[in-house]
Structures are given as C-alpha cells and as structure tokens.
C-alpha cells in the first residue's frame, strides 16, 4: 500500500521547513487524485510540525506517533474533501490531528496537557483584539484558553459542526451541505453543543 511506505519514516521534529500555503494546497489537491509523490512531499513538509502539535496534547512520543500516522491516513483518504475557502491547509490538517489526539485520549487513561495558544490557534485568533490593553489581552487569552478546552471536549462531529458555523461563518444549511447531514440534525447539534459550552465556560473551562 502506497501510504504505508510513505509513513514508515518521519523527519526529525527540529527539521521544520517553511510551509507555503499555496504549495501545501497544491499537494493536497494532487493527493486527492492519489498522487503518491505529492502526498510524500506534503508529509515531508508538515509531519514534523503536526507531530509536535500532537506531542503537546498527548505528552508521549509513542502516542503522538500513533496519532500522526492515523491523521495522515485520514488526510490521504479525505484530501478530496478539503476546501480552500473554508480553511488554510495547515489549519485543516491540524484539526484532523487534534481530533485524532482527543479521540485517543477518550479511549485511554492519558491526561491531556491543555495549552491554549498552540492547542487551538484558530480560537485564539478569533478572540484577538489588536486594540486591547495588556490587561484586556490577558483576559482574552484566558477566555480563549477556556473556550479551546471546552471545544475540545465536545464530541468530534458536534465540534466540527459548531466550528463551521461560528469560526467559518457558515449558515446552518451550508454546514448541513458540508457535513452531509439533515439541517434539523445540524440545528440540534449546535443547540446542544452551545448548551455544553455554556456549562463548561461557567466552570472556567473545566468539565
């Protein structure tokens, strides 16, 4: 199997090349056409950064390696679903790694180390206010960390639906189309997820 050969070796974490979004997008598009050479280039360019991200969540190299491999299998099989107008290539791939990492945490006894900034940059950026004072910026950072944690404990599909609706500004019908779900299901999941977020945030980002 082509993907098995590609995933046998991984470059050192310290060897992180410059990541050009346009080039990554091109490799993803070619990987969607089952271009193994393009997929290998994508892997070589991003695996170290994604491994480091998984390692920050899981804290154990062997678990991070497992999640990295599962993530690239998912990237290979789902490259055709990537839509550049919804997310940058690294954001899309990082989301896959994050979801795989938390899926692993849920089925194991490993405890996650939540670090708001690297954990979910999209949420941090969404709450960033360039006009904030230092004190206000600190409060925003705390809020973003709590929100990132509360998002992480939602069920994977529910988290994705909520993220598409609120962080990518998609309508309920657009989310339903993107996720291939009935619009009633999307509305129900969003309502329930918001209720869970409200409860979690009321506890200061703890469940």
N, C-alpha and C. Protein backbone atom coordinates (compact mmCIF):
# COMPACT_ATOMS: atom_id res chain seq x y z
N UNK A 1 0.85 -1.20 0.00
CA UNK A 1 0.00 0.00 0.00
C UNK A 1 0.88 1.24 0.00
N UNK A 2 0.62 2.17 -0.90
CA UNK A 2 1.47 3.34 -1.07
C UNK A 2 1.62 4.13 0.21
N UNK A 3 0.52 4.38 0.89
CA UNK A 3 0.57 5.22 2.08
C UNK A 3 1.40 4.60 3.19
N UNK A 4 1.43 3.28 3.28
CA UNK A 4 2.23 2.61 4.31
C UNK A 4 3.70 2.89 4.11
N UNK A 5 4.15 2.87 2.87
CA UNK A 5 5.55 3.15 2.57
C UNK A 5 5.90 4.58 2.94
N UNK A 6 5.00 5.50 2.62
CA UNK A 6 5.24 6.92 2.88
C UNK A 6 5.36 7.19 4.37
N UNK A 7 4.57 6.48 5.19
CA UNK A 7 4.51 6.76 6.61
C UNK A 7 5.54 5.99 7.43
N UNK A 8 6.40 5.20 6.79
CA UNK A 8 7.37 4.41 7.53
C UNK A 8 8.34 5.30 8.30
N UNK A 9 8.84 6.36 7.66
CA UNK A 9 9.83 7.21 8.31
C UNK A 9 9.30 8.61 8.46
N UNK A 10 9.79 9.30 9.50
CA UNK A 10 9.38 10.67 9.75
C UNK A 10 10.61 11.50 10.02
N UNK A 11 10.69 12.69 9.41
CA UNK A 11 11.84 13.56 9.61
C UNK A 11 11.88 14.05 11.05
N UNK A 12 13.03 14.51 11.50
CA UNK A 12 13.19 14.98 12.87
C UNK A 12 12.29 16.17 13.13
N UNK A 13 11.79 16.26 14.38
CA UNK A 13 10.87 17.34 14.72
C UNK A 13 11.53 18.70 14.55
N UNK A 14 12.84 18.78 14.76
CA UNK A 14 13.53 20.06 14.65
C UNK A 14 13.68 20.52 13.21
N UNK A 15 13.50 19.59 12.25
CA UNK A 15 13.69 19.92 10.85
C UNK A 15 12.36 20.31 10.24
N UNK A 16 11.92 21.54 10.49
CA UNK A 16 10.63 22.01 10.01
C UNK A 16 10.84 23.00 8.87
N UNK A 17 10.47 22.64 7.64
CA UNK A 17 10.68 23.55 6.52
C UNK A 17 9.66 24.68 6.55
N UNK A 18 9.92 25.71 5.74
CA UNK A 18 8.94 26.77 5.59
C UNK A 18 7.70 26.19 4.91
N UNK A 19 6.53 26.53 5.44
CA UNK A 19 5.30 25.96 4.93
C UNK A 19 4.57 27.00 4.09
N UNK A 20 4.62 26.82 2.79
CA UNK A 20 3.97 27.72 1.85
C UNK A 20 2.54 27.23 1.62
N UNK A 21 1.53 28.00 2.07
CA UNK A 21 0.14 27.54 1.94
C UNK A 21 -0.25 27.17 0.51
N UNK A 22 0.24 27.94 -0.45
CA UNK A 22 -0.10 27.65 -1.84
C UNK A 22 0.46 26.30 -2.28
N UNK A 23 1.70 26.01 -1.86
CA UNK A 23 2.31 24.72 -2.21
C UNK A 23 1.58 23.58 -1.50
N UNK A 24 1.25 23.79 -0.22
CA UNK A 24 0.52 22.75 0.52
C UNK A 24 -0.83 22.48 -0.14
N UNK A 25 -1.48 23.54 -0.57
CA UNK A 25 -2.78 23.39 -1.24
C UNK A 25 -2.63 22.58 -2.52
N UNK A 26 -1.57 22.84 -3.26
CA UNK A 26 -1.32 22.10 -4.49
C UNK A 26 -1.08 20.62 -4.21
N UNK A 27 -0.28 20.33 -3.19
CA UNK A 27 -0.03 18.93 -2.84
C UNK A 27 -1.30 18.22 -2.39
N UNK A 28 -2.12 18.93 -1.61
CA UNK A 28 -3.39 18.33 -1.17
C UNK A 28 -4.28 18.02 -2.37
N UNK A 29 -4.37 18.94 -3.29
CA UNK A 29 -5.20 18.73 -4.47
C UNK A 29 -4.70 17.53 -5.28
N UNK A 30 -3.39 17.41 -5.39
CA UNK A 30 -2.83 16.27 -6.14
C UNK A 30 -2.98 14.97 -5.36
N UNK A 31 -2.88 15.05 -4.03
CA UNK A 31 -3.10 13.86 -3.21
C UNK A 31 -4.53 13.36 -3.36
N UNK A 32 -5.46 14.29 -3.56
CA UNK A 32 -6.85 13.91 -3.77
C UNK A 32 -7.01 13.07 -5.04
N UNK A 33 -6.05 13.22 -5.97
CA UNK A 33 -6.05 12.43 -7.20
C UNK A 33 -5.15 11.19 -7.05
N UNK A 34 -4.82 10.86 -5.80
CA UNK A 34 -4.00 9.69 -5.46
C UNK A 34 -2.58 9.79 -6.03
N UNK A 35 -2.05 11.01 -6.00
CA UNK A 35 -0.67 11.25 -6.41
C UNK A 35 0.23 11.01 -5.19
N UNK A 36 0.89 9.84 -5.16
CA UNK A 36 1.70 9.46 -4.00
C UNK A 36 2.92 10.35 -3.84
N UNK A 37 3.47 10.83 -4.94
CA UNK A 37 4.65 11.70 -4.86
C UNK A 37 4.28 13.02 -4.18
N UNK A 38 3.14 13.58 -4.56
CA UNK A 38 2.68 14.83 -3.94
C UNK A 38 2.38 14.60 -2.46
N UNK A 39 1.78 13.45 -2.15
CA UNK A 39 1.45 13.16 -0.75
C UNK A 39 2.72 13.02 0.08
N UNK A 40 3.74 12.40 -0.49
CA UNK A 40 5.01 12.27 0.22
C UNK A 40 5.62 13.65 0.48
N UNK A 41 5.52 14.54 -0.50
CA UNK A 41 6.03 15.90 -0.32
C UNK A 41 5.26 16.61 0.79
N UNK A 42 3.95 16.42 0.80
CA UNK A 42 3.10 17.02 1.84
C UNK A 42 3.50 16.48 3.21
N UNK A 43 3.71 15.19 3.28
CA UNK A 43 4.11 14.55 4.54
C UNK A 43 5.46 15.08 5.02
N UNK A 44 6.43 15.13 4.11
CA UNK A 44 7.77 15.60 4.49
C UNK A 44 7.74 17.04 4.98
N UNK A 45 6.87 17.85 4.38
CA UNK A 45 6.83 19.28 4.72
C UNK A 45 6.11 19.56 6.02
N UNK A 46 5.15 18.72 6.40
CA UNK A 46 4.27 19.05 7.52
C UNK A 46 4.34 18.10 8.70
N UNK A 47 4.91 16.91 8.53
CA UNK A 47 4.82 15.89 9.58
C UNK A 47 5.50 16.32 10.88
N UNK A 48 6.63 17.01 10.77
CA UNK A 48 7.34 17.42 11.99
C UNK A 48 6.49 18.39 12.81
N UNK A 49 5.90 19.37 12.14
CA UNK A 49 5.07 20.36 12.84
C UNK A 49 3.83 19.70 13.44
N UNK A 50 3.20 18.81 12.69
CA UNK A 50 2.00 18.14 13.18
C UNK A 50 2.33 17.16 14.30
N UNK A 51 3.50 16.53 14.21
CA UNK A 51 3.93 15.64 15.30
C UNK A 51 4.12 16.45 16.58
N UNK A 52 4.76 17.61 16.47
CA UNK A 52 4.96 18.45 17.64
C UNK A 52 3.64 18.89 18.26
N UNK A 53 2.66 19.18 17.41
CA UNK A 53 1.34 19.57 17.90
C UNK A 53 0.69 18.41 18.67
N UNK A 54 0.75 17.20 18.08
CA UNK A 54 0.19 16.02 18.75
C UNK A 54 0.91 15.74 20.06
N UNK A 55 2.22 15.94 20.06
CA UNK A 55 3.01 15.67 21.26
C UNK A 55 2.64 16.63 22.39
N UNK A 56 2.35 17.89 22.06
CA UNK A 56 1.95 18.85 23.10
C UNK A 56 0.64 18.44 23.76
N UNK A 57 -0.25 17.82 22.99
CA UNK A 57 -1.53 17.39 23.55
C UNK A 57 -1.38 16.10 24.35
N UNK A 58 -0.63 15.14 23.80
CA UNK A 58 -0.59 13.80 24.37
C UNK A 58 0.54 13.59 25.37
N UNK A 59 1.65 14.31 25.20
CA UNK A 59 2.74 14.22 26.15
C UNK A 59 3.62 13.00 26.01
N UNK A 60 3.29 12.07 25.13
CA UNK A 60 4.08 10.85 24.95
C UNK A 60 4.37 10.66 23.47
N UNK A 61 5.65 10.43 23.16
CA UNK A 61 6.06 10.33 21.76
C UNK A 61 5.37 9.18 21.04
N UNK A 62 5.24 8.04 21.72
CA UNK A 62 4.65 6.89 21.04
C UNK A 62 3.18 7.14 20.68
N UNK A 63 2.48 7.86 21.55
CA UNK A 63 1.09 8.20 21.26
C UNK A 63 1.01 9.24 20.14
N UNK A 64 1.92 10.20 20.17
CA UNK A 64 1.95 11.21 19.12
C UNK A 64 2.25 10.58 17.77
N UNK A 65 3.16 9.60 17.74
CA UNK A 65 3.47 8.89 16.50
C UNK A 65 2.23 8.16 15.98
N UNK A 66 1.50 7.53 16.90
CA UNK A 66 0.29 6.80 16.51
C UNK A 66 -0.75 7.75 15.91
N UNK A 67 -0.94 8.87 16.58
CA UNK A 67 -1.92 9.85 16.10
C UNK A 67 -1.47 10.45 14.77
N UNK A 68 -0.18 10.71 14.63
CA UNK A 68 0.33 11.27 13.38
C UNK A 68 0.04 10.33 12.21
N UNK A 69 0.29 9.04 12.42
CA UNK A 69 0.05 8.08 11.34
C UNK A 69 -1.44 7.99 11.01
N UNK A 70 -2.28 7.92 12.05
CA UNK A 70 -3.73 7.88 11.81
C UNK A 70 -4.19 9.13 11.08
N UNK A 71 -3.60 10.26 11.43
CA UNK A 71 -4.00 11.52 10.82
C UNK A 71 -3.64 11.56 9.34
N UNK A 72 -2.45 11.09 8.99
CA UNK A 72 -2.06 11.13 7.58
C UNK A 72 -2.83 10.10 6.76
N UNK A 73 -3.22 9.00 7.37
CA UNK A 73 -4.12 8.08 6.67
C UNK A 73 -5.43 8.79 6.36
N UNK A 74 -5.95 9.53 7.35
CA UNK A 74 -7.19 10.28 7.15
C UNK A 74 -7.01 11.38 6.11
N UNK A 75 -5.86 12.06 6.13
CA UNK A 75 -5.59 13.11 5.15
C UNK A 75 -5.55 12.51 3.74
N UNK A 76 -4.90 11.37 3.59
CA UNK A 76 -4.82 10.70 2.29
C UNK A 76 -6.21 10.35 1.76
N UNK A 77 -7.04 9.81 2.63
CA UNK A 77 -8.36 9.36 2.19
C UNK A 77 -9.37 10.50 2.05
N UNK A 78 -9.10 11.63 2.71
CA UNK A 78 -10.07 12.73 2.71
C UNK A 78 -9.55 14.00 2.03
N UNK A 79 -8.42 13.89 1.35
CA UNK A 79 -7.86 15.08 0.70
C UNK A 79 -8.85 15.70 -0.28
N UNK A 80 -9.68 14.87 -0.88
CA UNK A 80 -10.66 15.38 -1.84
C UNK A 80 -11.75 16.23 -1.22
N UNK A 81 -11.90 16.15 0.11
CA UNK A 81 -12.93 16.94 0.78
C UNK A 81 -12.41 18.30 1.24
N UNK A 82 -11.10 18.50 1.13
CA UNK A 82 -10.53 19.79 1.56
C UNK A 82 -11.05 20.91 0.67
N UNK A 83 -11.49 22.00 1.31
CA UNK A 83 -11.98 23.17 0.58
C UNK A 83 -11.20 24.40 1.04
N UNK A 84 -10.44 24.95 0.13
CA UNK A 84 -9.51 26.03 0.48
C UNK A 84 -10.22 27.28 0.97
N UNK A 85 -11.48 27.48 0.59
CA UNK A 85 -12.18 28.69 1.03
C UNK A 85 -12.67 28.57 2.47
N UNK A 86 -12.59 27.38 3.04
CA UNK A 86 -13.03 27.18 4.43
C UNK A 86 -11.88 27.23 5.42
N UNK A 87 -10.70 26.81 5.00
CA UNK A 87 -9.57 26.77 5.94
C UNK A 87 -8.26 26.67 5.17
N UNK A 88 -7.20 27.19 5.77
CA UNK A 88 -5.86 27.02 5.21
C UNK A 88 -5.46 25.56 5.33
N UNK A 89 -4.55 25.08 4.48
CA UNK A 89 -4.16 23.66 4.53
C UNK A 89 -3.70 23.20 5.91
N UNK A 90 -2.82 23.99 6.57
CA UNK A 90 -2.32 23.57 7.88
C UNK A 90 -3.43 23.59 8.93
N UNK A 91 -4.36 24.53 8.82
CA UNK A 91 -5.48 24.55 9.76
C UNK A 91 -6.31 23.29 9.61
N UNK A 92 -6.57 22.90 8.37
CA UNK A 92 -7.37 21.70 8.09
C UNK A 92 -6.67 20.46 8.62
N UNK A 93 -5.37 20.34 8.36
CA UNK A 93 -4.63 19.16 8.81
C UNK A 93 -4.46 19.15 10.33
N UNK A 94 -4.23 20.32 10.91
CA UNK A 94 -4.09 20.40 12.36
C UNK A 94 -5.38 19.99 13.05
N UNK A 95 -6.51 20.35 12.46
CA UNK A 95 -7.80 19.95 13.03
C UNK A 95 -7.94 18.44 13.04
N UNK A 96 -7.49 17.79 11.97
CA UNK A 96 -7.54 16.33 11.91
C UNK A 96 -6.67 15.73 13.01
N UNK A 97 -5.45 16.26 13.17
CA UNK A 97 -4.55 15.75 14.21
C UNK A 97 -5.15 15.97 15.59
N UNK A 98 -5.69 17.15 15.83
CA UNK A 98 -6.30 17.45 17.12
C UNK A 98 -7.44 16.48 17.42
N UNK A 99 -8.31 16.25 16.44
CA UNK A 99 -9.44 15.35 16.66
C UNK A 99 -8.97 13.93 16.92
N UNK A 100 -7.96 13.48 16.18
CA UNK A 100 -7.42 12.13 16.40
C UNK A 100 -6.80 12.02 17.79
N UNK A 101 -6.11 13.08 18.21
CA UNK A 101 -5.47 13.06 19.53
C UNK A 101 -6.51 12.95 20.63
N UNK A 102 -7.58 13.71 20.51
CA UNK A 102 -8.60 13.66 21.56
C UNK A 102 -9.45 12.40 21.48
N UNK A 103 -9.59 11.83 20.29
CA UNK A 103 -10.23 10.52 20.19
C UNK A 103 -9.40 9.49 20.96
N UNK A 104 -8.07 9.58 20.82
CA UNK A 104 -7.19 8.66 21.53
C UNK A 104 -7.29 8.87 23.04
N UNK A 105 -7.34 10.13 23.46
CA UNK A 105 -7.45 10.42 24.89
C UNK A 105 -8.74 9.86 25.47
N UNK A 106 -9.81 9.93 24.70
CA UNK A 106 -11.10 9.46 25.21
C UNK A 106 -11.12 7.95 25.40
N UNK A 107 -10.33 7.22 24.62
CA UNK A 107 -10.34 5.77 24.75
C UNK A 107 -9.14 5.25 25.54
N UNK A 108 -8.44 6.15 26.23
CA UNK A 108 -7.31 5.75 27.06
C UNK A 108 -7.34 6.51 28.37
N UNK A 109 -6.36 6.23 29.22
CA UNK A 109 -6.27 6.89 30.53
C UNK A 109 -5.27 8.04 30.52
N UNK A 110 -4.83 8.44 29.33
CA UNK A 110 -3.84 9.51 29.24
C UNK A 110 -4.50 10.85 29.52
N UNK A 111 -3.84 11.70 30.27
CA UNK A 111 -4.36 13.03 30.57
C UNK A 111 -3.79 14.04 29.58
N UNK A 112 -4.61 14.95 29.12
CA UNK A 112 -4.17 15.97 28.16
C UNK A 112 -3.57 17.16 28.88
N UNK A 113 -2.52 17.72 28.28
CA UNK A 113 -1.95 18.98 28.75
C UNK A 113 -2.49 20.08 27.85
N UNK A 114 -3.43 20.87 28.34
CA UNK A 114 -4.06 21.89 27.52
C UNK A 114 -3.25 23.17 27.56
N UNK A 115 -2.77 23.58 26.40
CA UNK A 115 -2.04 24.85 26.26
C UNK A 115 -2.78 25.65 25.21
N UNK A 116 -3.47 26.70 25.63
CA UNK A 116 -4.40 27.40 24.76
C UNK A 116 -3.80 27.89 23.46
N UNK A 117 -2.58 28.46 23.49
CA UNK A 117 -2.03 29.08 22.29
C UNK A 117 -1.76 28.07 21.19
N UNK A 118 -0.89 27.05 21.43
CA UNK A 118 -0.66 26.11 20.34
C UNK A 118 -1.82 25.14 20.17
N UNK A 119 -2.62 24.97 21.22
CA UNK A 119 -3.71 23.99 21.15
C UNK A 119 -4.73 24.34 20.09
N UNK A 120 -5.15 25.57 20.03
CA UNK A 120 -6.15 25.94 19.03
C UNK A 120 -5.97 27.39 18.62
N UNK A 121 -5.06 27.60 17.68
CA UNK A 121 -4.73 28.96 17.25
C UNK A 121 -5.93 29.65 16.62
N UNK A 122 -6.80 28.88 15.99
CA UNK A 122 -7.97 29.49 15.36
C UNK A 122 -8.87 30.17 16.38
N UNK A 123 -9.04 29.53 17.53
CA UNK A 123 -9.87 30.12 18.58
C UNK A 123 -9.17 31.34 19.17
N UNK A 124 -7.87 31.23 19.40
CA UNK A 124 -7.12 32.37 19.93
C UNK A 124 -7.23 33.56 18.99
N UNK A 125 -7.07 33.31 17.70
CA UNK A 125 -7.15 34.40 16.72
C UNK A 125 -8.55 35.00 16.67
N UNK A 126 -9.56 34.14 16.83
CA UNK A 126 -10.94 34.62 16.75
C UNK A 126 -11.25 35.61 17.87
N UNK A 127 -10.59 35.44 19.02
CA UNK A 127 -10.85 36.33 20.16
C UNK A 127 -9.83 37.45 20.27
N UNK A 128 -8.86 37.48 19.38
CA UNK A 128 -7.81 38.50 19.46
C UNK A 128 -8.35 39.88 19.12
N UNK A 129 -8.02 40.85 19.95
CA UNK A 129 -8.42 42.24 19.72
C UNK A 129 -7.16 43.10 19.71
N UNK A 130 -6.71 43.58 18.54
CA UNK A 130 -5.47 44.36 18.48
C UNK A 130 -5.52 45.65 19.27
N UNK A 131 -6.73 46.13 19.61
CA UNK A 131 -6.86 47.38 20.35
C UNK A 131 -6.91 47.18 21.86
N UNK A 132 -6.82 45.93 22.31
CA UNK A 132 -6.97 45.64 23.74
C UNK A 132 -5.76 46.13 24.52
N UNK A 133 -6.01 46.55 25.77
CA UNK A 133 -4.92 46.90 26.67
C UNK A 133 -4.25 45.61 27.13
N UNK A 134 -3.05 45.68 27.75
CA UNK A 134 -2.40 44.46 28.24
C UNK A 134 -3.28 43.64 29.18
N UNK A 135 -4.01 44.31 30.08
CA UNK A 135 -4.89 43.58 31.00
C UNK A 135 -6.03 42.92 30.23
N UNK A 136 -6.61 43.67 29.29
CA UNK A 136 -7.70 43.11 28.48
C UNK A 136 -7.20 41.94 27.64
N UNK A 137 -5.98 42.07 27.10
CA UNK A 137 -5.41 41.00 26.29
C UNK A 137 -5.22 39.73 27.12
N UNK A 138 -4.80 39.90 28.38
CA UNK A 138 -4.63 38.75 29.26
C UNK A 138 -5.97 38.06 29.50
N UNK A 139 -7.01 38.85 29.73
CA UNK A 139 -8.34 38.28 29.94
C UNK A 139 -8.81 37.54 28.69
N UNK A 140 -8.56 38.14 27.52
CA UNK A 140 -8.95 37.49 26.27
C UNK A 140 -8.21 36.17 26.09
N UNK A 141 -6.92 36.15 26.46
CA UNK A 141 -6.14 34.93 26.35
C UNK A 141 -6.71 33.84 27.25
N UNK A 142 -7.10 34.22 28.46
CA UNK A 142 -7.70 33.25 29.38
C UNK A 142 -9.03 32.74 28.83
N UNK A 143 -9.82 33.67 28.28
CA UNK A 143 -11.10 33.26 27.70
C UNK A 143 -10.89 32.30 26.54
N UNK A 144 -9.89 32.60 25.70
CA UNK A 144 -9.63 31.75 24.54
C UNK A 144 -9.15 30.37 24.97
N UNK A 145 -8.32 30.32 26.01
CA UNK A 145 -7.84 29.03 26.50
C UNK A 145 -9.01 28.20 27.02
N UNK A 146 -9.90 28.82 27.77
CA UNK A 146 -11.07 28.11 28.29
C UNK A 146 -11.96 27.64 27.15
N UNK A 147 -12.16 28.50 26.15
CA UNK A 147 -13.01 28.13 25.02
C UNK A 147 -12.39 26.98 24.23
N UNK A 148 -11.06 27.04 24.03
CA UNK A 148 -10.38 25.96 23.31
C UNK A 148 -10.57 24.64 24.04
N UNK A 149 -10.43 24.67 25.37
CA UNK A 149 -10.62 23.43 26.14
C UNK A 149 -12.06 22.93 26.02
N UNK A 150 -13.02 23.82 26.20
CA UNK A 150 -14.42 23.41 26.16
C UNK A 150 -14.81 22.88 24.78
N UNK A 151 -14.24 23.47 23.73
CA UNK A 151 -14.49 22.94 22.38
C UNK A 151 -13.91 21.54 22.25
N UNK A 152 -12.75 21.32 22.86
CA UNK A 152 -12.05 20.04 22.69
C UNK A 152 -12.81 18.87 23.30
N UNK A 153 -13.63 19.12 24.32
CA UNK A 153 -14.32 18.02 24.98
C UNK A 153 -15.68 17.72 24.35
N UNK A 154 -16.05 18.49 23.34
CA UNK A 154 -17.26 18.15 22.60
C UNK A 154 -17.01 16.93 21.73
N UNK A 155 -18.06 16.19 21.44
CA UNK A 155 -17.94 15.06 20.52
C UNK A 155 -17.44 15.57 19.17
N UNK A 156 -16.60 14.78 18.51
CA UNK A 156 -15.91 15.22 17.30
C UNK A 156 -16.80 15.86 16.25
N UNK A 157 -17.88 15.17 15.87
CA UNK A 157 -18.76 15.69 14.82
C UNK A 157 -19.48 16.96 15.29
N UNK A 158 -19.87 17.00 16.56
CA UNK A 158 -20.54 18.18 17.11
C UNK A 158 -19.58 19.37 17.11
N UNK A 159 -18.32 19.12 17.46
CA UNK A 159 -17.32 20.18 17.48
C UNK A 159 -17.10 20.73 16.06
N UNK A 160 -17.09 19.84 15.09
CA UNK A 160 -16.87 20.28 13.71
C UNK A 160 -18.04 21.12 13.21
N UNK A 161 -19.26 20.69 13.53
CA UNK A 161 -20.44 21.45 13.12
C UNK A 161 -20.42 22.84 13.75
N UNK A 162 -20.12 22.90 15.04
CA UNK A 162 -20.09 24.19 15.73
C UNK A 162 -18.97 25.07 15.17
N UNK A 163 -17.82 24.48 14.88
CA UNK A 163 -16.71 25.24 14.34
C UNK A 163 -17.02 25.83 12.97
N UNK A 164 -17.68 25.04 12.12
CA UNK A 164 -18.05 25.54 10.79
C UNK A 164 -19.03 26.70 10.90
N UNK A 165 -19.95 26.58 11.86
CA UNK A 165 -20.98 27.62 11.99
C UNK A 165 -20.42 28.91 12.57
N UNK A 166 -19.53 28.81 13.57
CA UNK A 166 -19.12 30.01 14.29
C UNK A 166 -17.73 30.52 13.94
N UNK A 167 -16.82 29.63 13.54
CA UNK A 167 -15.47 30.08 13.22
C UNK A 167 -15.25 30.23 11.72
N UNK A 168 -16.15 29.63 10.92
CA UNK A 168 -16.06 29.80 9.47
C UNK A 168 -17.29 30.51 8.91
N UNK A 169 -18.19 30.94 9.82
CA UNK A 169 -19.34 31.77 9.45
C UNK A 169 -20.23 31.12 8.39
N UNK A 170 -20.43 29.81 8.49
CA UNK A 170 -21.33 29.14 7.56
C UNK A 170 -22.75 29.14 8.13
N UNK A 171 -23.73 29.22 7.25
CA UNK A 171 -25.12 29.12 7.68
C UNK A 171 -25.43 27.66 8.05
N UNK A 172 -26.56 27.45 8.71
CA UNK A 172 -26.95 26.08 9.06
C UNK A 172 -27.08 25.21 7.81
N UNK A 173 -27.65 25.76 6.76
CA UNK A 173 -27.81 24.98 5.53
C UNK A 173 -26.46 24.67 4.89
N UNK A 174 -25.52 25.62 4.97
CA UNK A 174 -24.18 25.38 4.41
C UNK A 174 -23.44 24.32 5.23
N UNK A 175 -23.60 24.36 6.55
CA UNK A 175 -22.99 23.34 7.40
C UNK A 175 -23.58 21.97 7.07
N UNK A 176 -24.90 21.93 6.90
CA UNK A 176 -25.56 20.66 6.58
C UNK A 176 -25.03 20.10 5.26
N UNK A 177 -24.84 20.97 4.28
CA UNK A 177 -24.32 20.52 2.99
C UNK A 177 -22.87 20.05 3.12
N UNK A 178 -22.07 20.81 3.87
CA UNK A 178 -20.66 20.46 4.05
C UNK A 178 -20.50 19.13 4.77
N UNK A 179 -21.35 18.87 5.76
CA UNK A 179 -21.24 17.67 6.59
C UNK A 179 -22.11 16.53 6.10
N UNK A 180 -22.91 16.77 5.05
CA UNK A 180 -23.83 15.77 4.53
C UNK A 180 -24.79 15.29 5.62
N UNK A 181 -25.39 16.26 6.32
CA UNK A 181 -26.31 15.97 7.42
C UNK A 181 -27.64 16.68 7.17
N UNK A 182 -28.74 16.14 7.71
CA UNK A 182 -30.01 16.87 7.65
C UNK A 182 -29.88 18.18 8.42
N UNK A 183 -30.52 19.22 7.93
CA UNK A 183 -30.40 20.52 8.58
C UNK A 183 -30.96 20.49 10.00
N UNK A 184 -31.98 19.65 10.24
CA UNK A 184 -32.52 19.52 11.59
C UNK A 184 -31.49 18.97 12.56
N UNK A 185 -30.68 18.02 12.08
CA UNK A 185 -29.62 17.45 12.91
C UNK A 185 -28.58 18.51 13.24
N UNK A 186 -28.22 19.31 12.23
CA UNK A 186 -27.24 20.38 12.44
C UNK A 186 -27.73 21.35 13.50
N UNK A 187 -28.98 21.78 13.40
CA UNK A 187 -29.53 22.72 14.38
C UNK A 187 -29.54 22.13 15.78
N UNK A 188 -29.91 20.85 15.88
CA UNK A 188 -29.95 20.19 17.19
C UNK A 188 -28.56 20.09 17.78
N UNK A 189 -27.58 19.68 16.97
CA UNK A 189 -26.21 19.53 17.46
C UNK A 189 -25.64 20.88 17.90
N UNK A 190 -25.92 21.93 17.13
CA UNK A 190 -25.41 23.25 17.50
C UNK A 190 -26.04 23.70 18.82
N UNK A 191 -27.34 23.52 18.97
CA UNK A 191 -28.02 23.93 20.21
C UNK A 191 -27.46 23.17 21.41
N UNK A 192 -27.31 21.85 21.27
CA UNK A 192 -26.79 21.05 22.38
C UNK A 192 -25.33 21.40 22.69
N UNK A 193 -24.55 21.63 21.63
CA UNK A 193 -23.14 21.97 21.83
C UNK A 193 -23.00 23.31 22.53
N UNK A 194 -23.84 24.27 22.16
CA UNK A 194 -23.80 25.58 22.81
C UNK A 194 -24.17 25.47 24.29
N UNK A 195 -25.14 24.60 24.59
CA UNK A 195 -25.51 24.38 25.99
C UNK A 195 -24.33 23.81 26.78
N UNK A 196 -23.62 22.84 26.16
CA UNK A 196 -22.47 22.24 26.82
C UNK A 196 -21.34 23.24 26.99
N UNK A 197 -21.12 24.07 25.96
CA UNK A 197 -20.10 25.10 26.05
C UNK A 197 -20.41 26.09 27.18
N UNK A 198 -21.67 26.48 27.27
CA UNK A 198 -22.09 27.43 28.30
C UNK A 198 -21.81 26.86 29.69
N UNK A 199 -22.14 25.58 29.89
CA UNK A 199 -21.91 24.94 31.18
C UNK A 199 -20.42 24.85 31.49
N UNK A 200 -19.64 24.45 30.48
CA UNK A 200 -18.19 24.30 30.66
C UNK A 200 -17.53 25.65 30.95
N UNK A 201 -17.91 26.68 30.20
CA UNK A 201 -17.31 28.00 30.39
C UNK A 201 -17.70 28.60 31.74
N UNK A 202 -18.91 28.27 32.21
CA UNK A 202 -19.34 28.76 33.52
C UNK A 202 -18.47 28.20 34.63
N UNK A 203 -17.84 27.06 34.36
CA UNK A 203 -16.93 26.44 35.33
C UNK A 203 -15.49 26.89 35.11
N UNK A 204 -15.30 27.87 34.23
CA UNK A 204 -13.96 28.38 33.97
C UNK A 204 -13.14 27.51 33.05
N UNK A 205 -13.82 26.76 32.17
CA UNK A 205 -13.09 25.90 31.24
C UNK A 205 -12.74 24.56 31.84
N UNK A 206 -13.61 24.07 32.74
CA UNK A 206 -13.40 22.75 33.34
C UNK A 206 -14.70 21.97 33.19
N UNK A 207 -14.57 20.64 33.03
CA UNK A 207 -15.75 19.80 32.93
C UNK A 207 -15.95 19.00 34.20
